[in-house]
Amino acid sequence: MKKNVVLTVLVLLVSLDCLAQKQWTLRECAEYALSHNIGIQQKDLTRQQGEVRLSTAKNSRLPDLTGTIGETFSFGRGLTMDNTYTNRSTNSTQFSIGTSVPLFTGFRIPNTIKLNQLNLEAAIQDLEKAKNDVEMQVAKAYVQILYDMEIADVAWRQVGIDSMQVARLEAFFNNGKASGAEVSQQKATHAQSILTATQADNNLQLAILTLTQLLELPTPEGFSVVRPDVPFQTLTLPNPETIFAEALTFKPEIRAEQLRLDASEKSIKIQEAARYPQLTLNGGLQTNYYKTSGMQQDGFGTQLKNNFSQYIGLNLNIPIFNRFSTRNNIRNARLERENQLLKLDNAKKTLYKEIQQVYYNAVAAHAKYESSEAARQSSADAFRLAQAKYENGKANITEFNEAKNRFLKSESDLVQARYEYLYQTTLLDFYRGRELNF
């Protein structure tokens, strides 16, 4: 037993180590999250409950079957087997088995079946919506990691540049070509660069933690993602109205609300069924054993045989007045339908706002990328010029650091705009029904 436990633990540790060492693509992250997310598992259980309710509704058409066994003891004056009354104790045993079949229920049963079918389909769409939400959360966290990785790279490049300048100034100081103040200033700049790079690393670790928590991984240690080599390309973006028209045909949140609207129509019909007569077919078998204290009677088996009988009948239940309960139930069902219409309209408006937001984010990211590209080129030229001047003694350390900081900031802005545009255009494709990937 102990060996099995140890082996299981070792297998688990090896599996976790393999997961930690591999580099994850966005698609792999999304698929792993979909299979391990608790919220999705809960939505799937809701779907299974809908299947059970649908099965129950379909089975309501079947006959029921009930068996009954009863024992009755009477004391004092009572009826005997020969149909006379006497002051004697009696006891009787009854056996019966019966069935009933609904023949007409005002169309309640077929409408209930259709209602549960629609609710099940809506639950399936809710499950798909939950999956989409998780995929979008994973993509956002994944892009944040990519962005923080680039920012950390830029920060550490700045540390490298400052480190070389410290070494260069120390050499000049030893040769009498630089003052101690200049060396101290550059060392302070170098220390600040290290602090900035450390903060960038911390932000990267927090971004990794966020994604691993979405994946339900036990630890972020050793987790890394694939840095996609996706060249920047300007895409012709369809307008929000076109994307919205496409999304209405398949987005699960819209389909779920539409299905619930259809279900509300069935709920009205179910409540209206209470206005109709209800017709039921009944049938069964029964027998009994009767005994009076102090009197002679047939044996148990003989009585069961002699008292055996069968019955069949129809039961028509006609509603006349139920304190306006049916009327008010119908009113509530119609109000629920009006409420569902509002929910559907709100879901459409929410979807359109989301698409509109993503579209204009993509437009803004594209404009930012173009301006950032121009700013980066200009700041790179300015930095090279400032560096040359500084190395030739025609610029001081402050001018050099200012040019360097502008250059590194322009690189950070360019990286941010690039990944923002990639993320937003990928989201637009996702709203058009394409796989979330890059």
Protein backbone atom coordinates (compact mmCIF):
# COMPACT_ATOMS: atom_id res chain seq x y z
CA MET A 1 0.00 0.00 0.00
CA LYS A 2 2.80 2.42 0.95
CA LYS A 3 4.66 1.59 -2.26
CA ASN A 4 1.56 2.45 -4.32
CA VAL A 5 1.18 5.79 -2.53
CA VAL A 6 4.84 6.67 -3.07
CA LEU A 7 4.60 5.68 -6.74
CA THR A 8 1.49 7.83 -7.21
CA VAL A 9 3.19 10.83 -5.63
CA LEU A 10 6.26 10.37 -7.81
CA VAL A 11 4.15 10.16 -10.97
CA LEU A 12 2.28 13.32 -9.97
CA LEU A 13 5.51 15.20 -9.27
CA VAL A 14 7.02 14.11 -12.60
CA SER A 15 3.85 15.19 -14.42
CA LEU A 16 3.88 18.59 -12.74
CA ASP A 17 7.58 19.00 -13.53
CA CYS A 18 6.92 18.24 -17.20
CA LEU A 19 4.09 20.76 -17.28
CA ALA A 20 6.32 23.36 -15.68
CA GLN A 21 9.28 22.82 -18.04
CA LYS A 22 7.37 22.96 -21.33
CA GLN A 23 6.68 26.21 -23.12
CA TRP A 24 2.97 26.80 -23.56
CA THR A 25 1.31 28.17 -26.67
CA LEU A 26 -1.88 30.19 -26.41
CA ARG A 27 -3.92 27.31 -27.85
CA GLU A 28 -2.45 24.87 -25.32
CA CYS A 29 -3.21 27.25 -22.47
CA ALA A 30 -6.79 27.70 -23.63
CA GLU A 31 -7.42 23.97 -24.04
CA TYR A 32 -5.90 23.16 -20.66
CA ALA A 33 -7.98 25.87 -18.97
CA LEU A 34 -11.18 24.59 -20.62
CA SER A 35 -10.60 21.08 -19.27
CA HIS A 36 -9.69 22.17 -15.73
CA ASN A 37 -11.77 25.28 -15.04
CA ILE A 38 -14.21 24.73 -12.16
CA GLY A 39 -16.74 27.23 -13.49
CA ILE A 40 -16.97 25.31 -16.77
CA GLN A 41 -17.38 22.05 -14.88
CA GLN A 42 -20.26 23.60 -12.93
CA LYS A 43 -21.91 24.76 -16.15
CA ASP A 44 -21.57 21.23 -17.51
CA LEU A 45 -23.29 19.85 -14.41
CA THR A 46 -26.12 22.32 -15.02
CA ARG A 47 -26.38 20.96 -18.55
CA GLN A 48 -26.59 17.41 -17.23
CA GLN A 49 -29.34 18.45 -14.82
CA GLY A 50 -31.23 19.83 -17.82
CA GLU A 51 -30.95 16.43 -19.49
CA VAL A 52 -32.43 14.78 -16.40
CA ARG A 53 -35.33 17.26 -16.32
CA LEU A 54 -36.02 16.63 -20.00
CA SER A 55 -36.06 12.87 -19.40
CA THR A 56 -38.49 13.37 -16.50
CA ALA A 57 -40.80 15.46 -18.70
CA LYS A 58 -40.82 12.84 -21.47
CA ASN A 59 -41.53 10.05 -18.99
CA SER A 60 -44.63 11.86 -17.70
CA ARG A 61 -46.49 10.41 -20.70
CA LEU A 62 -45.99 6.88 -19.38
CA PRO A 63 -48.51 5.07 -17.13
CA ASP A 64 -47.67 4.97 -13.45
CA LEU A 65 -47.96 1.83 -11.34
CA THR A 66 -48.67 1.79 -7.62
CA GLY A 67 -48.97 -1.13 -5.22
CA THR A 68 -50.73 -0.81 -1.86
CA ILE A 69 -50.93 -3.03 1.19
CA GLY A 70 -53.07 -1.92 4.14
CA GLU A 71 -54.08 -3.35 7.52
CA THR A 72 -57.03 -1.95 9.47
CA PHE A 73 -58.10 -2.74 13.04
CA SER A 74 -61.59 -1.73 14.22
CA PHE A 75 -62.94 -1.86 17.79
CA GLY A 76 -66.56 -1.62 18.95
CA ARG A 77 -69.55 -1.76 16.67
CA GLY A 78 -68.61 -2.68 13.11
CA LEU A 79 -69.72 -4.35 9.89
CA THR A 80 -69.26 -8.12 9.59
CA MET A 81 -68.77 -10.28 6.52
CA ASP A 82 -72.50 -11.08 6.34
CA ASN A 83 -73.31 -7.34 6.19
CA THR A 84 -74.63 -7.04 9.76
CA TYR A 85 -73.37 -4.86 12.61
CA THR A 86 -72.12 -6.25 15.90
CA ASN A 87 -69.99 -5.15 18.82
CA ARG A 88 -66.88 -7.11 17.93
CA SER A 89 -63.34 -6.27 17.01
CA THR A 90 -62.52 -6.64 13.31
CA ASN A 91 -59.43 -6.43 11.19
CA SER A 92 -59.00 -6.39 7.45
CA THR A 93 -56.09 -6.64 5.06
CA GLN A 94 -56.21 -4.96 1.65
CA PHE A 95 -54.03 -5.59 -1.41
CA SER A 96 -54.25 -3.49 -4.55
CA ILE A 97 -52.23 -2.50 -7.57
CA GLY A 98 -53.32 0.33 -9.85
CA THR A 99 -52.25 2.42 -12.78
CA SER A 100 -53.28 5.69 -14.35
CA VAL A 101 -52.58 7.11 -17.80
CA PRO A 102 -52.98 10.80 -18.66
CA LEU A 103 -55.09 11.01 -21.80
CA PHE A 104 -55.54 14.76 -22.07
CA THR A 105 -53.85 17.43 -19.97
CA GLY A 106 -54.61 20.55 -21.95
CA PHE A 107 -51.35 20.05 -23.90
CA ARG A 108 -49.39 20.54 -20.68
CA ILE A 109 -47.16 17.49 -21.17
CA PRO A 110 -45.97 18.22 -24.76
CA ASN A 111 -45.38 21.87 -23.86
CA THR A 112 -43.44 20.85 -20.74
CA ILE A 113 -41.27 18.55 -22.84
CA LYS A 114 -40.57 21.34 -25.31
CA LEU A 115 -39.87 23.76 -22.46
CA ASN A 116 -37.25 21.46 -20.96
CA GLN A 117 -35.76 20.82 -24.39
CA LEU A 118 -35.32 24.56 -24.91
CA ASN A 119 -33.89 24.99 -21.42
CA LEU A 120 -31.39 22.22 -22.11
CA GLU A 121 -30.30 23.88 -25.35
CA ALA A 122 -29.94 27.17 -23.46
CA ALA A 123 -27.79 25.43 -20.82
CA ILE A 124 -25.55 24.12 -23.62
CA GLN A 125 -25.15 27.67 -24.91
CA ASP A 126 -24.37 28.87 -21.39
CA LEU A 127 -21.62 26.26 -21.28
CA GLU A 128 -20.22 27.53 -24.58
CA LYS A 129 -20.37 31.12 -23.29
CA ALA A 130 -18.42 30.09 -20.18
CA LYS A 131 -15.79 28.48 -22.40
CA ASN A 132 -15.52 31.63 -24.52
CA ASP A 133 -15.09 33.77 -21.41
CA VAL A 134 -12.30 31.54 -20.12
CA GLU A 135 -10.55 31.60 -23.50
CA MET A 136 -10.67 35.40 -23.57
CA GLN A 137 -9.32 35.62 -20.02
CA VAL A 138 -6.49 33.26 -20.93
CA ALA A 139 -5.66 35.25 -24.07
CA LYS A 140 -5.58 38.51 -22.12
CA ALA A 141 -3.30 37.00 -19.46
CA TYR A 142 -1.09 35.43 -22.16
CA VAL A 143 -0.64 38.76 -23.97
CA GLN A 144 0.15 40.46 -20.65
CA ILE A 145 2.99 37.96 -20.15
CA LEU A 146 4.33 38.66 -23.64
CA TYR A 147 4.18 42.38 -23.01
CA ASP A 148 5.91 42.09 -19.61
CA MET A 149 8.58 39.86 -21.16
CA GLU A 150 9.38 42.53 -23.73
CA ILE A 151 9.40 45.28 -21.10
CA ALA A 152 11.78 43.24 -18.94
CA ASP A 153 14.07 42.72 -21.93
CA VAL A 154 14.13 46.45 -22.60
CA ALA A 155 14.80 47.18 -18.92
CA TRP A 156 17.73 44.78 -18.76
CA ARG A 157 19.17 46.22 -21.97
CA GLN A 158 19.10 49.57 -20.23
CA VAL A 159 20.97 48.02 -17.28
CA GLY A 160 23.59 46.75 -19.71
CA ILE A 161 24.05 50.17 -21.30
CA ASP A 162 24.32 51.88 -17.91
CA SER A 163 26.76 49.26 -16.69
CA MET A 164 29.05 49.91 -19.64
CA GLN A 165 28.85 53.65 -19.01
CA VAL A 166 29.81 53.19 -15.37
CA ALA A 167 32.86 51.18 -16.42
CA ARG A 168 33.72 53.77 -19.06
CA LEU A 169 33.46 56.70 -16.62
CA GLU A 170 35.51 54.89 -13.99
CA ALA A 171 38.24 54.42 -16.57
CA PHE A 172 38.04 58.12 -17.47
CA PHE A 173 38.12 59.02 -13.79
CA ASN A 174 41.28 56.99 -13.29
CA ASN A 175 42.82 58.87 -16.22
CA GLY A 176 41.65 62.22 -14.94
CA LYS A 177 39.17 62.74 -17.80
CA ALA A 178 35.99 62.53 -15.66
CA SER A 179 35.01 63.87 -12.29
CA GLY A 180 33.92 61.85 -9.29
CA ALA A 181 30.51 63.53 -9.51
CA GLU A 182 29.98 62.17 -13.01
CA VAL A 183 30.90 58.66 -11.86
CA SER A 184 28.55 58.90 -8.88
CA GLN A 185 25.72 60.19 -11.07
CA GLN A 186 26.12 57.33 -13.52
CA LYS A 187 26.24 54.78 -10.72
CA ALA A 188 22.98 56.21 -9.37
CA THR A 189 21.48 55.92 -12.85
CA HIS A 190 22.72 52.32 -13.06
CA ALA A 191 21.16 51.50 -9.68
CA GLN A 192 17.85 53.00 -10.80
CA SER A 193 18.00 50.92 -14.00
CA ILE A 194 18.48 47.76 -11.92
CA LEU A 195 15.48 48.73 -9.80
CA THR A 196 13.36 49.29 -12.90
CA ALA A 197 14.44 45.92 -14.35
CA THR A 198 13.69 44.19 -11.05
CA GLN A 199 10.20 45.71 -11.02
CA ALA A 200 9.71 44.55 -14.61
CA ASP A 201 10.69 41.01 -13.58
CA ASN A 202 8.25 41.18 -10.68
CA ASN A 203 5.46 42.30 -13.00
CA LEU A 204 6.30 39.39 -15.29
CA GLN A 205 6.11 36.92 -12.42
CA LEU A 206 2.73 38.32 -11.36
CA ALA A 207 1.46 38.00 -14.93
CA ILE A 208 2.65 34.37 -15.01
CA LEU A 209 0.92 33.76 -11.69
CA THR A 210 -2.35 35.13 -13.08
CA LEU A 211 -2.24 32.81 -16.08
CA THR A 212 -1.26 29.72 -14.08
CA GLN A 213 -4.15 30.38 -11.71
CA LEU A 214 -6.52 30.53 -14.68
CA LEU A 215 -5.09 27.18 -15.77
CA GLU A 216 -5.58 25.79 -12.24
CA LEU A 217 -1.89 24.86 -12.09
CA PRO A 218 -0.59 24.24 -8.55
CA THR A 219 2.42 26.54 -8.92
CA PRO A 220 3.81 29.10 -11.38
CA GLU A 221 7.37 27.86 -10.87
CA GLY A 222 9.06 26.99 -14.15
CA PHE A 223 6.06 28.07 -16.24
CA SER A 224 6.84 29.86 -19.49
CA VAL A 225 5.05 30.68 -22.71
CA VAL A 226 6.05 30.61 -26.33
CA ARG A 227 6.88 34.06 -27.63
CA PRO A 228 5.16 34.05 -31.03
CA ASP A 229 7.09 35.43 -33.96
CA VAL A 230 4.16 37.20 -35.56
CA PRO A 231 5.15 40.04 -37.91
CA PHE A 232 3.11 43.20 -37.60
CA GLN A 233 0.67 43.52 -40.45
CA THR A 234 -2.02 46.07 -41.07
CA LEU A 235 -5.39 44.37 -41.46
CA THR A 236 -8.50 45.67 -43.11
CA LEU A 237 -10.93 45.65 -40.22
CA PRO A 238 -14.64 45.18 -40.94
CA ASN A 239 -16.83 47.75 -39.25
CA PRO A 240 -18.53 46.88 -35.92
CA GLU A 241 -21.94 46.54 -37.60
CA THR A 242 -20.67 43.82 -39.93
CA ILE A 243 -18.99 41.90 -37.12
CA PHE A 244 -22.10 42.27 -34.96
CA ALA A 245 -24.34 40.88 -37.71
CA GLU A 246 -22.07 37.84 -37.99
CA ALA A 247 -21.86 37.37 -34.22
CA LEU A 248 -25.64 37.39 -33.80
CA THR A 249 -25.90 34.15 -35.78
CA PHE A 250 -23.71 32.03 -33.52
CA LYS A 251 -22.66 33.76 -30.27
CA PRO A 252 -23.84 31.50 -27.43
CA GLU A 253 -25.01 34.31 -25.14
CA ILE A 254 -27.47 35.48 -27.84
CA ARG A 255 -28.63 31.98 -28.69
CA ALA A 256 -29.15 31.18 -25.00
CA GLU A 257 -31.39 34.21 -24.44
CA GLN A 258 -33.33 33.51 -27.65
CA LEU A 259 -33.91 29.93 -26.53
CA ARG A 260 -35.13 31.15 -23.15
CA LEU A 261 -37.50 33.51 -24.94
CA ASP A 262 -38.92 30.54 -26.86
CA ALA A 263 -39.14 28.64 -23.57
CA SER A 264 -41.15 31.48 -22.01
CA GLU A 265 -43.76 30.98 -24.74
CA LYS A 266 -44.08 27.35 -23.68
CA SER A 267 -44.37 28.42 -20.04
CA ILE A 268 -47.44 30.49 -20.96
CA LYS A 269 -49.03 27.50 -22.70
CA ILE A 270 -48.28 25.29 -19.69
CA GLN A 271 -50.10 27.70 -17.39
CA GLU A 272 -52.99 27.97 -19.86
CA ALA A 273 -53.37 24.18 -19.72
CA ALA A 274 -54.95 24.56 -16.26
CA ARG A 275 -58.04 26.03 -17.97
CA TYR A 276 -58.77 22.76 -19.78
CA PRO A 277 -60.40 19.60 -18.38
CA GLN A 278 -57.96 16.85 -17.46
CA LEU A 279 -58.83 13.32 -18.59
CA THR A 280 -57.18 10.30 -16.97
CA LEU A 281 -57.61 6.56 -17.53
CA ASN A 282 -57.46 4.45 -14.35
CA GLY A 283 -57.31 0.72 -13.84
CA GLY A 284 -56.21 -1.82 -11.27
CA LEU A 285 -56.56 -5.04 -9.32
CA GLN A 286 -57.60 -5.43 -5.69
CA THR A 287 -58.56 -7.99 -3.03
CA ASN A 288 -58.85 -8.17 0.75
CA TYR A 289 -59.05 -10.40 3.79
CA TYR A 290 -61.65 -9.67 6.50
CA LYS A 291 -61.81 -11.11 10.00
CA THR A 292 -64.34 -10.57 12.84
CA SER A 293 -63.31 -11.57 16.34
CA GLY A 294 -65.25 -14.61 17.61
CA MET A 295 -66.95 -15.42 14.30
CA GLN A 296 -66.25 -18.08 11.71
CA GLN A 297 -64.94 -16.90 8.34
CA ASP A 298 -63.22 -18.28 5.26
CA GLY A 299 -59.45 -18.78 5.32
CA PHE A 300 -56.94 -16.18 4.19
CA GLY A 301 -56.28 -17.68 0.76
CA THR A 302 -59.95 -18.36 0.08
CA GLN A 303 -60.94 -14.80 0.89
CA LEU A 304 -58.20 -13.36 -1.28
CA LYS A 305 -59.48 -15.48 -4.15
CA ASN A 306 -63.16 -14.77 -3.58
CA ASN A 307 -62.68 -11.03 -3.01
CA PHE A 308 -60.45 -10.51 -6.03
CA SER A 309 -61.76 -7.80 -8.39
CA GLN A 310 -60.65 -5.58 -11.24
CA TYR A 311 -61.60 -2.07 -12.17
CA ILE A 312 -61.13 0.37 -15.04
CA GLY A 313 -62.47 3.88 -15.34
CA LEU A 314 -62.11 7.39 -16.69
CA ASN A 315 -61.65 10.44 -14.52
CA LEU A 316 -62.50 13.87 -15.94
CA ASN A 317 -61.42 16.81 -13.81
CA ILE A 318 -63.13 20.04 -14.89
CA PRO A 319 -61.71 23.31 -13.50
CA ILE A 320 -64.46 25.71 -12.43
CA PHE A 321 -62.98 28.21 -9.95
CA ASN A 322 -59.60 28.15 -8.24
CA ARG A 323 -59.51 31.65 -6.71
CA PHE A 324 -58.04 33.19 -9.90
CA SER A 325 -54.86 31.18 -9.44
CA THR A 326 -54.75 30.10 -13.09
CA ARG A 327 -55.37 33.62 -14.34
CA ASN A 328 -52.55 35.04 -12.21
CA ASN A 329 -50.15 32.24 -13.17
CA ILE A 330 -50.76 33.08 -16.83
CA ARG A 331 -50.19 36.76 -16.12
CA ASN A 332 -46.88 35.98 -14.40
CA ALA A 333 -45.80 33.80 -17.31
CA ARG A 334 -46.53 36.61 -19.77
CA LEU A 335 -44.63 39.10 -17.62
CA GLU A 336 -41.70 36.69 -17.55
CA ARG A 337 -41.81 36.60 -21.34
CA GLU A 338 -41.63 40.42 -21.45
CA ASN A 339 -38.69 40.29 -19.07
CA GLN A 340 -36.97 37.73 -21.26
CA LEU A 341 -37.44 40.00 -24.27
CA LEU A 342 -35.58 42.70 -22.36
CA LYS A 343 -32.82 40.23 -21.44
CA LEU A 344 -32.39 39.29 -25.10
CA ASP A 345 -32.27 42.94 -26.13
CA ASN A 346 -29.76 43.69 -23.38
CA ALA A 347 -27.56 40.75 -24.44
CA LYS A 348 -27.51 42.08 -28.01
CA LYS A 349 -26.63 45.58 -26.86
CA THR A 350 -23.89 44.25 -24.58
CA LEU A 351 -22.42 42.21 -27.43
CA TYR A 352 -22.47 45.20 -29.76
CA LYS A 353 -20.75 47.38 -27.15
CA GLU A 354 -18.06 44.74 -26.66
CA ILE A 355 -17.42 44.50 -30.41
CA GLN A 356 -17.44 48.27 -30.74
CA GLN A 357 -14.94 48.61 -27.88
CA VAL A 358 -12.59 46.00 -29.34
CA TYR A 359 -12.83 47.56 -32.81
CA TYR A 360 -11.87 51.03 -31.66
CA ASN A 361 -9.17 49.61 -29.40
CA ALA A 362 -7.70 47.94 -32.49
CA VAL A 363 -7.89 51.19 -34.47
CA ALA A 364 -6.23 53.08 -31.63
CA ALA A 365 -3.54 50.40 -31.23
CA HIS A 366 -2.78 50.57 -34.95
CA ALA A 367 -2.42 54.35 -34.84
CA LYS A 368 -0.28 54.07 -31.73
CA TYR A 369 1.94 51.48 -33.40
CA GLU A 370 2.56 53.70 -36.41
CA SER A 371 3.38 56.73 -34.28
CA SER A 372 5.48 54.59 -31.93
CA GLU A 373 7.42 53.21 -34.88
CA ALA A 374 8.21 56.73 -36.07
CA ALA A 375 9.07 57.84 -32.52
CA ARG A 376 11.34 54.85 -32.04
CA GLN A 377 13.24 55.57 -35.24
CA SER A 378 13.68 59.21 -34.29
CA SER A 379 14.73 58.44 -30.71
CA ALA A 380 17.14 55.75 -31.94
CA ASP A 381 18.82 58.26 -34.26
CA ALA A 382 18.91 60.83 -31.46
CA PHE A 383 20.42 58.31 -29.06
CA ARG A 384 23.15 57.31 -31.49
CA LEU A 385 23.98 60.97 -32.03
CA ALA A 386 23.99 61.71 -28.28
CA GLN A 387 26.16 58.68 -27.66
CA ALA A 388 28.66 59.78 -30.27
CA LYS A 389 28.76 63.30 -28.84
CA TYR A 390 29.18 61.99 -25.33
CA GLU A 391 31.99 59.67 -26.30
CA ASN A 392 33.73 62.60 -28.01
CA GLY A 393 33.25 64.86 -25.02
CA LYS A 394 30.73 67.15 -26.75
CA ALA A 395 27.75 66.15 -24.50
CA ASN A 396 27.49 65.58 -20.78
CA ILE A 397 26.18 62.50 -18.98
CA THR A 398 22.78 64.07 -18.35
CA GLU A 399 22.17 64.64 -22.05
CA PHE A 400 23.29 61.11 -22.78
CA ASN A 401 20.92 59.58 -20.20
CA GLU A 402 17.99 61.65 -21.40
CA ALA A 403 18.49 60.46 -24.98
CA LYS A 404 18.91 56.88 -23.80
CA ASN A 405 15.73 57.00 -21.69
CA ARG A 406 13.71 58.43 -24.58
CA PHE A 407 14.97 55.67 -26.83
CA LEU A 408 14.17 52.88 -24.38
CA LYS A 409 10.73 54.33 -23.66
CA SER A 410 9.97 54.47 -27.38
CA GLU A 411 10.89 50.77 -27.62
CA SER A 412 8.53 49.97 -24.75
CA ASP A 413 5.72 51.96 -26.37
CA LEU A 414 6.28 50.16 -29.67
CA VAL A 415 6.14 46.73 -28.01
CA GLN A 416 2.97 47.63 -26.12
CA ALA A 417 1.24 48.91 -29.27
CA ARG A 418 2.29 45.84 -31.25
CA TYR A 419 0.87 43.34 -28.75
CA GLU A 420 -2.22 45.46 -28.12
CA TYR A 421 -3.01 45.50 -31.83
CA LEU A 422 -2.35 41.76 -32.12
CA TYR A 423 -4.65 41.07 -29.14
CA GLN A 424 -7.49 43.32 -30.31
CA THR A 425 -7.49 42.01 -33.90
CA THR A 426 -7.45 38.45 -32.57
CA LEU A 427 -10.47 39.28 -30.42
CA LEU A 428 -12.28 40.67 -33.45
CA ASP A 429 -11.64 37.40 -35.27
CA PHE A 430 -12.95 35.55 -32.23
CA TYR A 431 -16.19 37.55 -32.35
CA ARG A 432 -16.48 36.45 -35.99
CA GLY A 433 -16.33 32.79 -34.98
CA ARG A 434 -12.66 32.05 -35.55
CA GLU A 435 -10.35 30.24 -33.19
CA LEU A 436 -8.62 32.37 -30.58
CA ASN A 437 -4.96 31.96 -31.48
CA PHE A 438 -1.91 33.78 -32.76
